């Protein structure tokens, strides 16, 4: 990342839905987030609001149902499994 303030992490319109046979659970809806190098970030909220789901997406442990996740301006959807593991 350059020192010009470009975002290290960008989430644009992120949605995460979990499906079962009978239930559709919307864990995240239209999340927009920008984190720049040197930023301090805290994720807070009540139980069940999607904090763990968001952190799982940020840590590349899960993928969004919809939206774009850019890591250093690269769409993480284009990363191979090996690249994800390396990060």
N, C-alpha and C. Protein backbone atom coordinates (compact mmCIF):
# COMPACT_ATOMS: atom_id res chain seq x y z
N UNK A 1 0.83 -1.18 0.00
CA UNK A 1 0.00 0.00 0.00
C UNK A 1 0.87 1.24 0.00
N UNK A 2 0.44 2.22 -0.71
CA UNK A 2 1.19 3.48 -0.76
C UNK A 2 0.87 4.34 0.45
N UNK A 3 1.69 5.33 0.65
CA UNK A 3 1.50 6.23 1.80
C UNK A 3 0.50 7.34 1.51
N UNK A 4 -0.20 7.26 0.39
CA UNK A 4 -1.12 8.34 0.00
C UNK A 4 -2.50 8.22 0.64
N UNK A 5 -2.67 7.28 1.56
CA UNK A 5 -3.96 7.14 2.22
C UNK A 5 -4.90 6.18 1.53
N UNK A 6 -4.43 5.43 0.55
CA UNK A 6 -5.26 4.44 -0.11
C UNK A 6 -5.67 3.38 0.90
N UNK A 7 -6.88 2.90 0.78
CA UNK A 7 -7.39 1.91 1.73
C UNK A 7 -6.64 0.59 1.61
N UNK A 8 -6.32 0.03 2.76
CA UNK A 8 -5.72 -1.30 2.82
C UNK A 8 -6.82 -2.35 2.64
N UNK A 9 -7.95 -2.10 3.29
CA UNK A 9 -9.12 -2.99 3.20
C UNK A 9 -10.33 -2.15 2.84
N UNK A 10 -11.09 -2.61 1.85
CA UNK A 10 -12.35 -1.95 1.47
C UNK A 10 -13.43 -3.00 1.32
N UNK A 11 -14.55 -2.76 1.96
CA UNK A 11 -15.74 -3.58 1.76
C UNK A 11 -16.79 -2.68 1.13
N UNK A 12 -17.41 -3.18 0.07
CA UNK A 12 -18.41 -2.40 -0.65
C UNK A 12 -19.67 -3.24 -0.84
N UNK A 13 -20.73 -2.86 -0.15
CA UNK A 13 -22.02 -3.54 -0.30
C UNK A 13 -21.99 -5.01 0.09
N UNK A 14 -21.25 -5.34 1.14
CA UNK A 14 -21.10 -6.74 1.55
C UNK A 14 -22.38 -7.25 2.21
N UNK A 15 -22.80 -8.42 1.75
CA UNK A 15 -23.94 -9.12 2.35
C UNK A 15 -23.50 -10.55 2.63
N UNK A 16 -23.99 -11.11 3.71
CA UNK A 16 -23.74 -12.51 4.02
C UNK A 16 -25.04 -13.12 4.49
N UNK A 17 -25.45 -14.17 3.79
CA UNK A 17 -26.67 -14.89 4.12
C UNK A 17 -26.31 -16.35 4.35
N UNK A 18 -26.81 -16.91 5.44
CA UNK A 18 -26.64 -18.33 5.72
C UNK A 18 -27.96 -19.02 5.41
N UNK A 19 -27.88 -20.13 4.67
CA UNK A 19 -29.07 -20.86 4.26
C UNK A 19 -29.11 -22.23 4.93
N UNK A 20 -30.30 -22.61 5.38
CA UNK A 20 -30.56 -23.99 5.79
C UNK A 20 -31.79 -24.43 5.00
N UNK A 21 -32.23 -25.65 5.22
CA UNK A 21 -33.41 -26.14 4.50
C UNK A 21 -34.64 -25.27 4.73
N UNK A 22 -34.76 -24.73 5.93
CA UNK A 22 -35.98 -24.01 6.29
C UNK A 22 -35.80 -22.52 6.54
N UNK A 23 -34.56 -22.09 6.78
CA UNK A 23 -34.34 -20.72 7.23
C UNK A 23 -33.25 -20.03 6.41
N UNK A 24 -33.47 -18.77 6.17
CA UNK A 24 -32.49 -17.90 5.51
C UNK A 24 -32.13 -16.82 6.54
N UNK A 25 -30.86 -16.82 6.98
CA UNK A 25 -30.43 -15.88 8.01
C UNK A 25 -29.52 -14.82 7.40
N UNK A 26 -29.95 -13.57 7.46
CA UNK A 26 -29.15 -12.46 6.94
C UNK A 26 -28.24 -11.96 8.06
N UNK A 27 -26.96 -12.33 7.97
CA UNK A 27 -26.00 -11.97 9.02
C UNK A 27 -25.42 -10.58 8.80
N UNK A 28 -25.18 -10.22 7.55
CA UNK A 28 -24.66 -8.89 7.21
C UNK A 28 -25.46 -8.35 6.03
N UNK A 29 -25.77 -7.06 6.06
CA UNK A 29 -26.54 -6.45 4.98
C UNK A 29 -25.94 -5.10 4.61
N UNK A 30 -25.44 -4.99 3.39
CA UNK A 30 -24.94 -3.73 2.82
C UNK A 30 -23.87 -3.06 3.68
N UNK A 31 -22.83 -3.83 4.01
CA UNK A 31 -21.74 -3.31 4.83
C UNK A 31 -20.72 -2.60 3.95
N UNK A 32 -20.37 -1.39 4.34
CA UNK A 32 -19.33 -0.60 3.69
C UNK A 32 -18.30 -0.26 4.76
N UNK A 33 -17.03 -0.53 4.46
CA UNK A 33 -15.96 -0.32 5.44
C UNK A 33 -14.68 0.02 4.70
N UNK A 34 -13.93 0.95 5.24
CA UNK A 34 -12.63 1.30 4.66
C UNK A 34 -11.63 1.41 5.81
N UNK A 35 -10.54 0.66 5.70
CA UNK A 35 -9.49 0.69 6.70
C UNK A 35 -8.19 1.05 6.00
N UNK A 36 -7.56 2.12 6.48
CA UNK A 36 -6.29 2.56 5.90
C UNK A 36 -5.14 2.11 6.79
N UNK A 37 -3.95 2.02 6.20
CA UNK A 37 -2.78 1.63 6.95
C UNK A 37 -2.61 2.57 8.15
N UNK A 38 -2.37 1.99 9.32
CA UNK A 38 -2.19 2.77 10.53
C UNK A 38 -3.47 3.02 11.30
N UNK A 39 -4.63 2.72 10.70
CA UNK A 39 -5.91 2.89 11.40
C UNK A 39 -6.03 1.88 12.54
N UNK A 40 -6.67 2.29 13.61
CA UNK A 40 -7.07 1.40 14.69
C UNK A 40 -8.56 1.17 14.53
N UNK A 41 -8.98 -0.09 14.58
CA UNK A 41 -10.38 -0.42 14.34
C UNK A 41 -10.91 -1.28 15.48
N UNK A 42 -12.12 -0.98 15.88
CA UNK A 42 -12.82 -1.77 16.89
C UNK A 42 -14.15 -2.20 16.30
N UNK A 43 -14.50 -3.45 16.49
CA UNK A 43 -15.78 -3.98 16.04
C UNK A 43 -16.61 -4.26 17.30
N UNK A 44 -17.70 -3.55 17.47
CA UNK A 44 -18.52 -3.69 18.67
C UNK A 44 -19.99 -3.74 18.30
N UNK A 45 -20.77 -4.38 19.14
CA UNK A 45 -22.21 -4.43 18.93
C UNK A 45 -22.82 -5.52 19.77
N UNK A 46 -24.15 -5.58 19.80
CA UNK A 46 -24.82 -6.58 20.61
C UNK A 46 -24.64 -7.99 20.05
N UNK A 47 -24.92 -8.96 20.88
CA UNK A 47 -24.85 -10.36 20.49
C UNK A 47 -25.73 -10.61 19.26
N UNK A 48 -25.18 -11.32 18.29
CA UNK A 48 -25.95 -11.67 17.11
C UNK A 48 -26.00 -10.63 16.01
N UNK A 49 -25.22 -9.55 16.13
CA UNK A 49 -25.31 -8.48 15.13
C UNK A 49 -24.39 -8.69 13.92
N UNK A 50 -23.52 -9.73 13.95
CA UNK A 50 -22.68 -10.02 12.79
C UNK A 50 -21.20 -9.74 12.97
N UNK A 51 -20.76 -9.48 14.19
CA UNK A 51 -19.34 -9.17 14.43
C UNK A 51 -18.43 -10.32 14.01
N UNK A 52 -18.74 -11.53 14.45
CA UNK A 52 -17.91 -12.69 14.12
C UNK A 52 -17.96 -12.98 12.63
N UNK A 53 -19.11 -12.83 12.02
CA UNK A 53 -19.23 -13.03 10.57
C UNK A 53 -18.36 -12.04 9.83
N UNK A 54 -18.38 -10.79 10.24
CA UNK A 54 -17.55 -9.76 9.61
C UNK A 54 -16.07 -10.10 9.75
N UNK A 55 -15.65 -10.49 10.95
CA UNK A 55 -14.25 -10.83 11.17
C UNK A 55 -13.83 -12.06 10.37
N UNK A 56 -14.73 -13.01 10.20
CA UNK A 56 -14.44 -14.19 9.37
C UNK A 56 -14.24 -13.81 7.91
N UNK A 57 -15.02 -12.85 7.44
CA UNK A 57 -14.84 -12.36 6.07
C UNK A 57 -13.52 -11.61 5.94
N UNK A 58 -13.25 -10.72 6.89
CA UNK A 58 -12.01 -9.94 6.84
C UNK A 58 -10.78 -10.85 6.90
N UNK A 59 -10.87 -11.94 7.66
CA UNK A 59 -9.76 -12.88 7.79
C UNK A 59 -9.69 -13.91 6.68
N UNK A 60 -10.53 -13.77 5.67
CA UNK A 60 -10.57 -14.66 4.51
C UNK A 60 -10.94 -16.10 4.88
N UNK A 61 -11.65 -16.28 5.98
CA UNK A 61 -12.11 -17.60 6.39
C UNK A 61 -13.45 -17.94 5.77
N UNK A 62 -14.14 -16.93 5.24
CA UNK A 62 -15.44 -17.10 4.62
C UNK A 62 -15.54 -16.10 3.47
N UNK A 63 -16.53 -16.28 2.63
CA UNK A 63 -16.73 -15.37 1.50
C UNK A 63 -18.10 -14.72 1.59
N UNK A 64 -18.22 -13.50 1.11
CA UNK A 64 -19.53 -12.83 1.16
C UNK A 64 -20.51 -13.43 0.15
N UNK A 65 -21.78 -13.32 0.45
CA UNK A 65 -22.83 -13.73 -0.48
C UNK A 65 -22.91 -12.73 -1.64
N UNK A 66 -22.69 -11.46 -1.32
CA UNK A 66 -22.73 -10.37 -2.31
C UNK A 66 -21.76 -9.29 -1.90
N UNK A 67 -21.35 -8.48 -2.86
CA UNK A 67 -20.50 -7.34 -2.57
C UNK A 67 -19.05 -7.57 -2.96
N UNK A 68 -18.24 -6.56 -2.72
CA UNK A 68 -16.83 -6.58 -3.11
C UNK A 68 -15.94 -6.35 -1.90
N UNK A 69 -14.92 -7.19 -1.78
CA UNK A 69 -13.90 -7.05 -0.74
C UNK A 69 -12.58 -6.83 -1.46
N UNK A 70 -11.99 -5.66 -1.25
CA UNK A 70 -10.70 -5.33 -1.85
C UNK A 70 -9.63 -5.32 -0.77
N UNK A 71 -8.55 -6.02 -1.01
CA UNK A 71 -7.40 -6.05 -0.12
C UNK A 71 -6.23 -5.47 -0.90
N UNK A 72 -5.77 -4.31 -0.48
CA UNK A 72 -4.74 -3.56 -1.21
C UNK A 72 -5.15 -3.39 -2.68
N UNK A 73 -6.39 -3.01 -2.89
CA UNK A 73 -6.98 -2.75 -4.22
C UNK A 73 -7.14 -3.99 -5.09
N UNK A 74 -6.96 -5.18 -4.53
CA UNK A 74 -7.16 -6.43 -5.28
C UNK A 74 -8.42 -7.11 -4.77
N UNK A 75 -9.33 -7.47 -5.67
CA UNK A 75 -10.52 -8.21 -5.23
C UNK A 75 -10.13 -9.57 -4.65
N UNK A 76 -10.53 -9.84 -3.42
CA UNK A 76 -10.16 -11.12 -2.82
C UNK A 76 -10.85 -12.29 -3.51
N UNK A 77 -11.93 -12.02 -4.23
CA UNK A 77 -12.61 -13.08 -4.97
C UNK A 77 -11.69 -13.68 -6.04
N UNK A 78 -10.67 -12.92 -6.47
CA UNK A 78 -9.74 -13.40 -7.49
C UNK A 78 -8.55 -14.15 -6.91
N UNK A 79 -8.44 -14.22 -5.59
CA UNK A 79 -7.31 -14.90 -4.96
C UNK A 79 -7.51 -16.41 -4.97
N UNK A 80 -6.44 -17.14 -5.22
CA UNK A 80 -6.50 -18.60 -5.15
C UNK A 80 -6.52 -19.03 -3.68
N UNK A 81 -6.82 -20.29 -3.45
CA UNK A 81 -6.82 -20.82 -2.08
C UNK A 81 -5.43 -20.69 -1.47
N UNK A 82 -4.40 -20.92 -2.26
CA UNK A 82 -3.02 -20.80 -1.76
C UNK A 82 -2.70 -19.36 -1.37
N UNK A 83 -3.16 -18.39 -2.17
CA UNK A 83 -2.92 -16.98 -1.85
C UNK A 83 -3.67 -16.58 -0.58
N UNK A 84 -4.89 -17.06 -0.44
CA UNK A 84 -5.68 -16.77 0.77
C UNK A 84 -4.97 -17.32 2.00
N UNK A 85 -4.47 -18.53 1.90
CA UNK A 85 -3.78 -19.16 3.03
C UNK A 85 -2.50 -18.41 3.39
N UNK A 86 -1.80 -17.93 2.39
CA UNK A 86 -0.55 -17.21 2.61
C UNK A 86 -0.81 -15.88 3.33
N UNK A 87 -1.92 -15.24 3.00
CA UNK A 87 -2.25 -13.95 3.62
C UNK A 87 -2.62 -14.18 5.06
